[in-house]
Protein backbone atom coordinates (compact mmCIF):
# COMPACT_ATOMS: atom_id res chain seq x y z
CA UNK A 1 45.31 -5.92 263.44
CA UNK A 2 48.15 -4.95 261.15
CA UNK A 3 48.10 -1.63 259.35
CA UNK A 4 49.41 -2.20 255.84
CA UNK A 5 52.06 0.05 254.35
CA UNK A 6 51.67 0.40 250.61
CA UNK A 7 55.20 1.74 250.13
CA UNK A 8 55.97 3.10 246.72
CA UNK A 9 52.58 2.29 245.28
CA UNK A 10 50.19 4.85 246.67
CA UNK A 11 46.45 4.68 246.42
CA UNK A 12 45.70 6.27 243.07
CA UNK A 13 42.60 8.35 242.73
CA UNK A 14 40.86 6.98 245.85
CA UNK A 15 40.15 10.35 246.84
CA UNK A 16 18.03 -0.79 258.71
CA UNK A 17 7.19 -4.55 269.89
CA UNK A 18 7.10 -7.88 269.51
CA UNK A 19 3.38 -8.57 269.02
CA UNK A 20 2.44 -5.66 271.31
CA UNK A 21 4.01 -3.19 268.89
CA UNK A 22 3.83 -5.46 265.90
CA UNK A 23 6.59 -5.51 263.29
CA UNK A 24 4.00 -6.10 260.59
CA UNK A 25 6.27 -8.11 258.32
CA UNK A 26 3.99 -9.55 255.65
CA UNK A 27 5.36 -12.83 254.29
CA UNK A 28 8.49 -12.81 256.44
CA UNK A 29 9.32 -16.41 257.00
CA UNK A 30 6.72 -17.52 254.46
CA UNK A 31 7.85 -19.63 251.52
CA UNK A 32 8.40 -17.76 248.25
CA UNK A 33 5.06 -18.73 246.78
CA UNK A 34 3.35 -16.96 249.68
CA UNK A 35 5.29 -13.72 249.29
CA UNK A 36 3.41 -10.46 249.03
CA UNK A 37 0.21 -9.11 250.53
CA UNK A 38 -2.91 -10.96 249.43
CA UNK A 39 -6.59 -10.59 250.10
CA UNK A 40 -8.70 -13.54 251.23
CA UNK A 41 -9.79 -14.00 247.63
CA UNK A 42 -6.19 -14.26 246.42
CA UNK A 43 -5.93 -10.78 244.91
CA UNK A 44 -3.31 -8.18 245.77
CA UNK A 45 -4.03 -5.17 247.91
CA UNK A 46 -3.32 -1.73 246.48
CA UNK A 47 -3.63 0.50 249.52
CA UNK A 48 -1.29 3.45 248.99
CA UNK A 49 1.80 3.34 251.17
CA UNK A 50 1.24 5.87 254.00
CA UNK A 51 -2.50 5.28 254.28
CA UNK A 52 -3.71 4.20 257.72
CA UNK A 53 -1.21 3.40 260.44
CA UNK A 54 1.54 1.82 258.35
CA UNK A 55 4.17 2.72 255.80
CA UNK A 56 4.69 -0.03 253.25
CA UNK A 57 8.19 -0.95 252.10
CA UNK A 58 9.30 -3.66 249.69
CA UNK A 59 11.99 -6.27 250.30
CA UNK A 60 13.15 -7.94 247.09
CA UNK A 61 15.87 -10.61 247.29
CA UNK A 62 16.49 -14.19 246.17
CA UNK A 63 14.93 -16.54 248.71
CA UNK A 64 15.42 -19.47 246.34
CA UNK A 65 17.91 -20.46 243.64
CA UNK A 66 21.68 -20.16 243.54
CA UNK A 67 21.82 -16.75 245.24
CA UNK A 68 19.69 -17.75 248.24
CA UNK A 69 22.91 -18.81 250.02
CA UNK A 70 23.72 -15.10 250.33
CA UNK A 71 20.50 -13.15 250.00
CA UNK A 72 18.33 -14.80 252.66
CA UNK A 73 20.69 -13.46 255.31
CA UNK A 74 20.35 -9.94 253.91
CA UNK A 75 16.58 -10.20 254.33
CA UNK A 76 17.14 -11.18 257.97
CA UNK A 77 19.20 -8.03 258.52
CA UNK A 78 16.58 -5.81 256.91
CA UNK A 79 13.82 -7.42 258.97
CA UNK A 80 15.79 -6.85 262.17
CA UNK A 81 16.21 -3.14 261.36
CA UNK A 82 12.50 -2.83 260.66
CA UNK A 83 11.63 -4.60 263.90
CA UNK A 84 13.90 -2.30 265.90
CA UNK A 85 12.49 0.81 264.24
CA UNK A 86 8.92 -0.30 264.86
CA UNK A 87 9.63 -1.12 268.50
CA UNK A 88 11.11 2.36 268.90
CA UNK A 89 7.92 4.00 267.58
CA UNK A 90 8.16 3.56 263.83
CA UNK A 91 8.59 6.31 261.25
CA UNK A 92 6.56 9.50 261.38
CA UNK A 93 4.45 7.80 264.06
CA UNK A 94 3.60 4.88 261.79
CA UNK A 95 4.73 1.27 261.77
CA UNK A 96 6.71 -0.12 258.83
CA UNK A 97 4.90 -2.89 256.94
CA UNK A 98 7.27 -4.95 254.81
CA UNK A 99 6.10 -6.75 251.68
CA UNK A 100 8.66 -9.50 250.94
CA UNK A 101 9.11 -10.86 247.42
CA UNK A 102 11.39 -13.62 246.09
CA UNK A 103 13.48 -12.74 243.03
CA UNK A 104 14.21 -16.48 242.65
CA UNK A 105 17.79 -15.81 241.42
CA UNK A 106 16.15 -14.97 238.09
CA UNK A 107 16.59 -11.51 236.62
CA UNK A 108 13.25 -11.21 234.73
CA UNK A 109 11.52 -12.29 237.94
CA UNK A 110 13.26 -9.47 239.80
CA UNK A 111 11.91 -6.96 237.30
CA UNK A 112 8.40 -8.45 237.50
CA UNK A 113 8.39 -8.39 241.32
CA UNK A 114 9.74 -4.83 241.39
CA UNK A 115 6.82 -3.71 239.22
CA UNK A 116 4.38 -5.51 241.50
CA UNK A 117 5.76 -3.88 244.62
CA UNK A 118 5.49 -0.43 243.06
CA UNK A 119 2.19 -0.70 241.17
CA UNK A 120 0.11 -3.15 243.22
CA UNK A 121 1.54 -2.89 246.72
CA UNK A 122 2.34 0.81 246.37
CA UNK A 123 5.39 0.65 248.59
CA UNK A 124 7.29 3.80 249.53
CA UNK A 125 10.69 2.25 248.82
CA UNK A 126 12.24 -1.07 247.87
CA UNK A 127 15.24 -2.59 249.64
CA UNK A 128 16.66 -5.21 247.35
CA UNK A 129 18.86 -7.11 244.91
CA UNK A 130 22.32 -8.64 245.28
CA UNK A 131 23.82 -9.37 241.89
CA UNK A 132 24.37 -6.56 239.45
CA UNK A 133 22.36 -8.59 236.94
CA UNK A 134 19.32 -8.34 239.21
CA UNK A 135 19.95 -4.64 239.84
CA UNK A 136 20.31 -3.94 236.12
CA UNK A 137 17.09 -5.90 235.51
CA UNK A 138 15.08 -3.70 237.87
CA UNK A 139 16.80 -0.41 237.05
CA UNK A 140 14.52 0.42 234.13
CA UNK A 141 11.50 -0.29 236.34
CA UNK A 142 12.59 2.18 239.01
CA UNK A 143 13.68 4.81 236.53
CA UNK A 144 10.60 4.59 234.30
CA UNK A 145 8.31 4.76 237.35
CA UNK A 146 10.52 7.32 239.13
CA UNK A 147 10.63 5.17 242.25
CA UNK A 148 13.36 4.39 244.81
CA UNK A 149 15.65 1.37 245.31
CA UNK A 150 18.17 0.97 248.13
CA UNK A 151 20.87 -1.51 247.09
CA UNK A 152 23.11 -3.05 249.78
CA UNK A 153 25.90 -4.90 247.98
CA UNK A 154 29.35 -3.93 246.73
CA UNK A 155 29.34 -3.67 242.96
CA UNK A 156 31.36 -2.86 239.86
CA UNK A 157 30.49 0.84 239.59
CA UNK A 158 30.05 2.46 236.18
CA UNK A 159 26.53 3.45 237.20
CA UNK A 160 25.00 6.36 239.08
CA UNK A 161 21.21 6.39 239.09
CA UNK A 162 19.00 9.11 240.53
CA UNK A 163 16.61 6.33 241.60
CA UNK A 164 19.10 4.15 243.46
CA UNK A 165 20.96 4.59 246.75
CA UNK A 166 24.00 2.31 246.94
CA UNK A 167 25.11 1.32 250.46
CA UNK A 168 27.72 -1.27 249.43
CA UNK A 169 31.19 -0.40 248.16
CA UNK A 170 32.11 1.20 244.88
CA UNK A 171 35.25 -0.34 243.28
CA UNK A 172 37.58 2.25 244.82
CA UNK A 173 36.28 1.18 248.25
CA UNK A 174 36.87 -2.57 247.79
CA UNK A 175 38.32 -3.91 244.54
CA UNK A 176 41.03 -1.32 243.92
CA UNK A 177 42.41 -1.37 247.50
CA UNK A 178 42.46 -5.18 247.33
CA UNK A 179 44.54 -5.12 244.15
CA UNK A 180 46.91 -2.57 245.67
CA UNK A 181 47.35 -4.66 248.83
CA UNK A 182 47.95 -7.83 246.83
CA UNK A 183 50.62 -6.17 244.71
CA UNK A 184 52.45 -5.03 247.81
CA UNK A 185 52.06 -8.25 249.76
CA UNK A 186 51.36 -11.28 247.55
CA UNK A 187 52.74 -10.83 244.04
CA UNK A 188 52.16 -9.17 240.69
CA UNK A 189 50.79 -12.04 238.57
CA UNK A 190 46.98 -12.26 238.69
CA UNK A 191 44.53 -14.88 237.44
CA UNK A 192 40.94 -13.56 237.35
CA UNK A 193 38.05 -15.95 238.09
CA UNK A 194 34.41 -14.85 238.01
CA UNK A 195 30.79 -15.68 237.36
CA UNK A 196 29.65 -14.83 233.86
CA UNK A 197 27.56 -11.71 234.30
CA UNK A 198 27.98 -7.96 234.55
CA UNK A 199 29.66 -7.55 237.95
CA UNK A 200 32.62 -9.94 237.47
CA UNK A 201 33.26 -8.89 233.89
CA UNK A 202 33.18 -5.17 234.67
CA UNK A 203 35.17 -5.66 237.89
CA UNK A 204 37.83 -7.53 235.95
CA UNK A 205 37.98 -4.75 233.38
CA UNK A 206 38.76 -2.39 236.26
CA UNK A 207 41.37 -4.77 237.68
CA UNK A 208 43.13 -5.21 234.34
CA UNK A 209 43.33 -1.45 233.80
CA UNK A 210 44.58 -0.94 237.35
CA UNK A 211 47.28 -3.60 236.92
CA UNK A 212 48.48 -1.87 233.77
CA UNK A 213 48.96 1.36 235.71
CA UNK A 214 50.54 -0.22 238.80
CA UNK A 215 52.83 -2.71 237.07
CA UNK A 216 51.00 -5.98 237.62
CA UNK A 217 50.17 -8.64 235.03
CA UNK A 218 46.95 -10.45 234.18
CA UNK A 219 48.02 -13.98 233.22
CA UNK A 220 44.55 -15.48 232.80
CA UNK A 221 40.83 -14.76 232.98
CA UNK A 222 37.98 -17.27 233.13
CA UNK A 223 34.25 -17.31 233.86
CA UNK A 224 31.53 -19.74 234.94
CA UNK A 225 27.80 -19.35 234.38
CA UNK A 226 26.24 -18.20 237.64
CA UNK A 227 25.66 -21.24 239.85
CA UNK A 228 27.77 -23.57 237.70
CA UNK A 229 30.06 -25.87 239.71
CA UNK A 230 32.23 -27.30 236.91
CA UNK A 231 35.39 -25.63 238.15
CA UNK A 232 37.99 -28.28 237.21
CA UNK A 233 38.85 -26.72 233.80
CA UNK A 234 39.45 -23.34 235.46
CA UNK A 235 41.72 -24.87 238.08
CA UNK A 236 43.69 -26.59 235.33
CA UNK A 237 44.14 -23.27 233.54
CA UNK A 238 45.28 -21.65 236.80
CA UNK A 239 47.94 -24.34 237.20
CA UNK A 240 49.09 -23.81 233.64
CA UNK A 241 49.21 -20.01 233.86
CA UNK A 242 50.76 -19.91 237.35
CA UNK A 243 52.95 -23.00 237.66
CA UNK A 244 54.96 -21.42 240.46
CA UNK A 245 52.02 -19.78 242.21
CA UNK A 246 50.36 -16.39 242.04
CA UNK A 247 47.31 -14.35 242.99
CA UNK A 248 43.76 -15.52 242.29
CA UNK A 249 41.24 -12.66 242.22
CA UNK A 250 37.82 -14.21 242.75
CA UNK A 251 34.52 -12.64 241.69
CA UNK A 252 32.50 -15.86 241.70
CA UNK A 253 29.05 -15.60 243.29
CA UNK A 254 26.60 -18.10 244.72
CA UNK A 255 27.15 -21.86 244.84
CA UNK A 256 30.14 -21.77 242.49
CA UNK A 257 32.32 -20.66 245.39
CA UNK A 258 31.64 -23.89 247.27
CA UNK A 259 33.00 -26.01 244.45
CA UNK A 260 35.86 -23.66 243.68
CA UNK A 261 37.39 -23.52 247.16
CA UNK A 262 36.96 -27.23 247.80
CA UNK A 263 38.51 -28.24 244.49
CA UNK A 264 41.35 -25.73 244.81
CA UNK A 265 42.27 -27.40 248.08
CA UNK A 266 41.79 -30.84 246.55
CA UNK A 267 44.21 -29.92 243.78
CA UNK A 268 46.82 -28.90 246.34
CA UNK A 269 46.69 -25.20 245.46
CA UNK A 270 47.16 -23.85 248.97
CA UNK A 271 46.92 -20.19 250.06
CA UNK A 272 50.65 -19.92 250.74
CA UNK A 273 51.34 -20.15 246.99
CA UNK A 274 47.88 -19.42 245.50
CA UNK A 275 46.21 -16.83 247.74
CA UNK A 276 42.63 -16.14 246.72
CA UNK A 277 41.21 -12.65 247.21
CA UNK A 278 37.40 -12.70 247.14
CA UNK A 279 34.96 -9.80 246.98
CA UNK A 280 31.74 -11.83 247.26
CA UNK A 281 32.73 -14.29 250.00
CA UNK A 282 31.99 -13.20 253.56
CA UNK A 283 31.28 -14.82 256.93
CA UNK A 284 28.04 -16.51 255.85
CA UNK A 285 29.61 -18.09 252.78
CA UNK A 286 32.60 -19.23 254.86
CA UNK A 287 30.21 -20.80 257.39
CA UNK A 288 28.27 -22.66 254.71
CA UNK A 289 31.27 -23.80 252.64
CA UNK A 290 33.36 -24.70 255.69
CA UNK A 291 36.26 -22.64 257.07
CA UNK A 292 38.60 -25.60 256.66
CA UNK A 293 38.45 -25.00 252.89
CA UNK A 294 39.04 -21.22 253.07
CA UNK A 295 41.51 -20.75 255.92
CA UNK A 296 44.40 -18.52 254.87
CA UNK A 297 42.61 -16.92 251.93
CA UNK A 298 41.44 -13.29 251.88
CA UNK A 299 38.46 -11.05 251.30
CA UNK A 300 38.08 -7.31 250.86
CA UNK A 301 35.04 -5.62 252.45
CA UNK A 302 34.10 -2.58 254.48
CA UNK A 303 32.77 -4.63 257.39
CA UNK A 304 33.72 -7.86 259.12
CA UNK A 305 32.08 -9.38 262.20
CA UNK A 306 35.43 -8.86 263.94
CA UNK A 307 35.34 -5.05 263.56
CA UNK A 308 36.03 -3.55 266.97
CA UNK A 309 33.42 -0.82 267.48
CA UNK A 310 30.78 -0.48 270.23
CA UNK A 311 28.10 -0.32 267.54
CA UNK A 312 29.27 -3.60 266.06
CA UNK A 313 29.44 -5.35 269.43
CA UNK A 314 25.80 -4.39 270.03
CA UNK A 315 24.65 -5.29 266.53
CA UNK A 316 26.24 -8.73 266.53
CA UNK A 317 24.70 -9.44 269.96
CA UNK A 318 21.28 -8.22 268.82
CA UNK A 319 21.42 -10.23 265.60
CA UNK A 320 22.37 -13.42 267.42
CA UNK A 321 19.65 -12.81 270.02
CA UNK A 322 17.12 -12.56 267.20
CA UNK A 323 18.30 -15.41 264.98
CA UNK A 324 20.52 -17.71 267.06
CA UNK A 325 24.04 -17.90 268.47
CA UNK A 326 25.21 -19.95 265.48
CA UNK A 327 24.48 -17.13 263.04
CA UNK A 328 27.11 -14.75 261.71
CA UNK A 329 27.03 -11.22 260.35
CA UNK A 330 28.74 -9.96 257.20
CA UNK A 331 29.23 -6.92 255.00
CA UNK A 332 26.14 -7.11 252.74
CA UNK A 333 23.99 -7.81 255.81
CA UNK A 334 25.43 -4.78 257.58
CA UNK A 335 24.95 -2.58 254.52
CA UNK A 336 21.35 -3.84 254.27
CA UNK A 337 20.72 -3.16 257.97
CA UNK A 338 22.06 0.39 257.89
CA UNK A 339 20.28 1.35 254.67
CA UNK A 340 16.92 0.88 256.39
CA UNK A 341 18.02 3.31 259.09
CA UNK A 342 19.38 5.80 256.56
CA UNK A 343 16.06 5.71 254.68
CA UNK A 344 14.20 6.20 258.00
CA UNK A 345 16.33 9.24 258.80
CA UNK A 346 15.67 10.72 255.37
CA UNK A 347 11.90 10.20 255.71
CA UNK A 348 11.93 11.86 259.12
CA UNK A 349 13.95 14.81 257.84
CA UNK A 350 11.63 15.18 254.86
CA UNK A 351 8.54 14.78 257.07
CA UNK A 352 6.93 12.65 254.38
CA UNK A 353 7.37 9.45 252.37
CA UNK A 354 7.13 11.42 249.14
CA UNK A 355 9.93 9.94 247.04
CA UNK A 356 11.27 13.22 245.66
CA UNK A 357 11.47 14.74 249.15
CA UNK A 358 13.09 11.63 250.63
CA UNK A 359 15.58 11.49 247.78
CA UNK A 360 16.72 15.03 248.51
CA UNK A 361 16.84 14.44 252.28
CA UNK A 362 18.88 11.23 251.96
CA UNK A 363 21.98 13.06 250.70
CA UNK A 364 24.14 14.02 253.63
CA UNK A 365 22.65 11.50 256.05
CA UNK A 366 25.20 10.00 258.42
CA UNK A 367 24.97 6.90 260.60
CA UNK A 368 27.18 5.39 263.27
CA UNK A 369 27.18 1.98 261.63
CA UNK A 370 28.76 -1.22 262.93
CA UNK A 371 31.54 -0.68 260.37
CA UNK A 372 32.09 2.91 261.53
CA UNK A 373 30.58 6.22 260.51
CA UNK A 374 29.10 6.34 257.01
CA UNK A 375 27.83 9.32 255.03
CA UNK A 376 25.56 9.43 251.98
CA UNK A 377 27.21 11.43 249.23
CA UNK A 378 25.67 13.52 246.46
CA UNK A 379 26.35 10.63 244.07
CA UNK A 380 24.01 8.37 246.14
CA UNK A 381 26.92 6.24 247.40
CA UNK A 382 28.31 5.99 250.94
CA UNK A 383 31.70 7.04 252.24
CA UNK A 384 33.07 3.84 253.81
CA UNK A 385 36.16 2.44 255.51
CA UNK A 386 38.05 -0.25 253.57
CA UNK A 387 39.21 -3.47 255.24
CA UNK A 388 41.00 -6.64 254.13
CA UNK A 389 40.64 -9.79 256.19
CA UNK A 390 42.35 -13.18 256.29
CA UNK A 391 40.05 -16.14 256.91
CA UNK A 392 40.73 -17.86 260.23
CA UNK A 393 40.15 -21.43 261.36
CA UNK A 394 37.01 -20.33 263.25
CA UNK A 395 35.50 -18.85 260.08
CA UNK A 396 36.03 -15.26 261.17
CA UNK A 397 38.32 -12.72 259.49
CA UNK A 398 41.55 -11.42 260.95
CA UNK A 399 41.70 -7.82 259.77
CA UNK A 400 45.12 -7.30 258.19
CA UNK A 401 44.53 -3.86 256.67
CA UNK A 402 42.13 -0.97 257.05
CA UNK A 403 42.12 2.63 255.90
CA UNK A 404 42.48 5.40 258.46
CA UNK A 405 38.89 6.46 257.85
CA UNK A 406 36.12 6.41 255.26
CA UNK A 407 36.96 6.78 251.57
CA UNK A 408 34.66 8.82 249.36
CA UNK A 409 32.98 6.71 246.65
CA UNK A 410 33.82 6.94 242.95
CA UNK A 411 31.04 5.33 240.92
CA UNK A 412 32.73 6.23 237.62
CA UNK A 413 36.03 4.35 237.59
CA UNK A 414 39.20 6.36 237.44
CA UNK A 415 41.35 3.61 235.89
CA UNK A 416 39.07 2.77 232.96
CA UNK A 417 39.83 5.24 230.14
CA UNK A 418 36.19 5.76 229.11
CA UNK A 419 35.17 6.97 232.59
CA UNK A 420 38.37 8.47 233.96
CA UNK A 421 37.79 12.07 235.03
CA UNK A 422 34.01 11.74 235.39
CA UNK A 423 31.89 12.19 238.50
CA UNK A 424 28.22 12.14 239.55
CA UNK A 425 26.31 14.72 241.59
CA UNK A 426 22.52 14.56 241.97
CA UNK A 427 22.40 17.78 244.02
CA UNK A 428 23.49 19.88 241.04
CA UNK A 429 21.18 19.94 237.99
CA UNK A 430 24.10 20.89 235.76
CA UNK A 431 26.01 17.73 236.74
CA UNK A 432 23.69 14.82 237.51
CA UNK A 433 24.51 11.29 236.42
CA UNK A 434 27.84 11.98 234.75
CA UNK A 435 29.91 15.11 234.39
CA UNK A 436 33.50 15.96 233.64
CA UNK A 437 35.34 16.88 236.85
CA UNK A 438 37.88 19.65 236.92
CA UNK A 439 41.45 18.43 236.62
């Protein structure tokens, strides 16, 4: 692994018994139409979470549609954490019972299923969402019902909800370091490609503001509807804007990435002249697209399967033992896995599944994660180590840069003028969602 040296450009403002001790996963492995807990008559149970010998939790991800390529693996990671916890005795002496729902890659469906999990299934917590569009769709549900969502995917920031715990990266823990590394190592002309929804558009706003400060140039910006594979016009515009090569910053999600990487290669735009930095492409996407189409390109995450820690060695082995030697792990899966454990620790510290008590106990929780030690901050985001990886021929990532240790999260972006200077602190009633930090 090579430790990058950023030279004159410094980082700016970076400051989850086999049958004997049953896992009780309702609907795990069932097709989407069978998701949820149903009575023999077809109705939905409404037993309060904590009643009896189980604690109900919700799992809400896309098991169908364009985002299933990514989200089904996150469900696997959450299920593994739940199985391990149950085999070790559960939480507060009770087994975790997971109610799995399919968001169908459709944002209104996410909101509908979130309401069902809270009102009908009476879960204690929901682990869910991938895209920011799905998270935004359910946010009003969790806030209006004062419930709790744990969200495992890197995102665009500019949000800090009392009802959400974010275990993926904030922009200063993924996007901003990637831009900095690219400027030092790959060039200063950037073409921005993304799916047409909130995460890519907000992320690109951050990138453009950062480039202004650091001396880079945005030479083009283009978007595709989520799941759209008509990438030829974008590739043509890349060739026109960067005739001699340049950096492609990629915030495409879902099946669009398959078409994009294959057609970039088909057009002869190789990574030596047109390096692509992705923030939503990890080991699972590389495996499904084919590493021969991505070799030599880059991704920025907090975790790669190649991270060299004892915890990661064990987790990768355990995951493969559960799901097969051909399976891979990745950053959103790891963030999903550890969030189940962080929630468990908070419940045990609180001594109850009461949401207000768990919310207070969650802040300050630490975990020796596969990626390294993580800590839940007062802004409901994790301190995390930043890594950049180059895609290898075997589909794994060669880590070419990592920070010396975890970076504290900044949900309110410090490059965007409207949010520069603001922070979030849910442990202080005078601060809360957004407050002006001292200079």
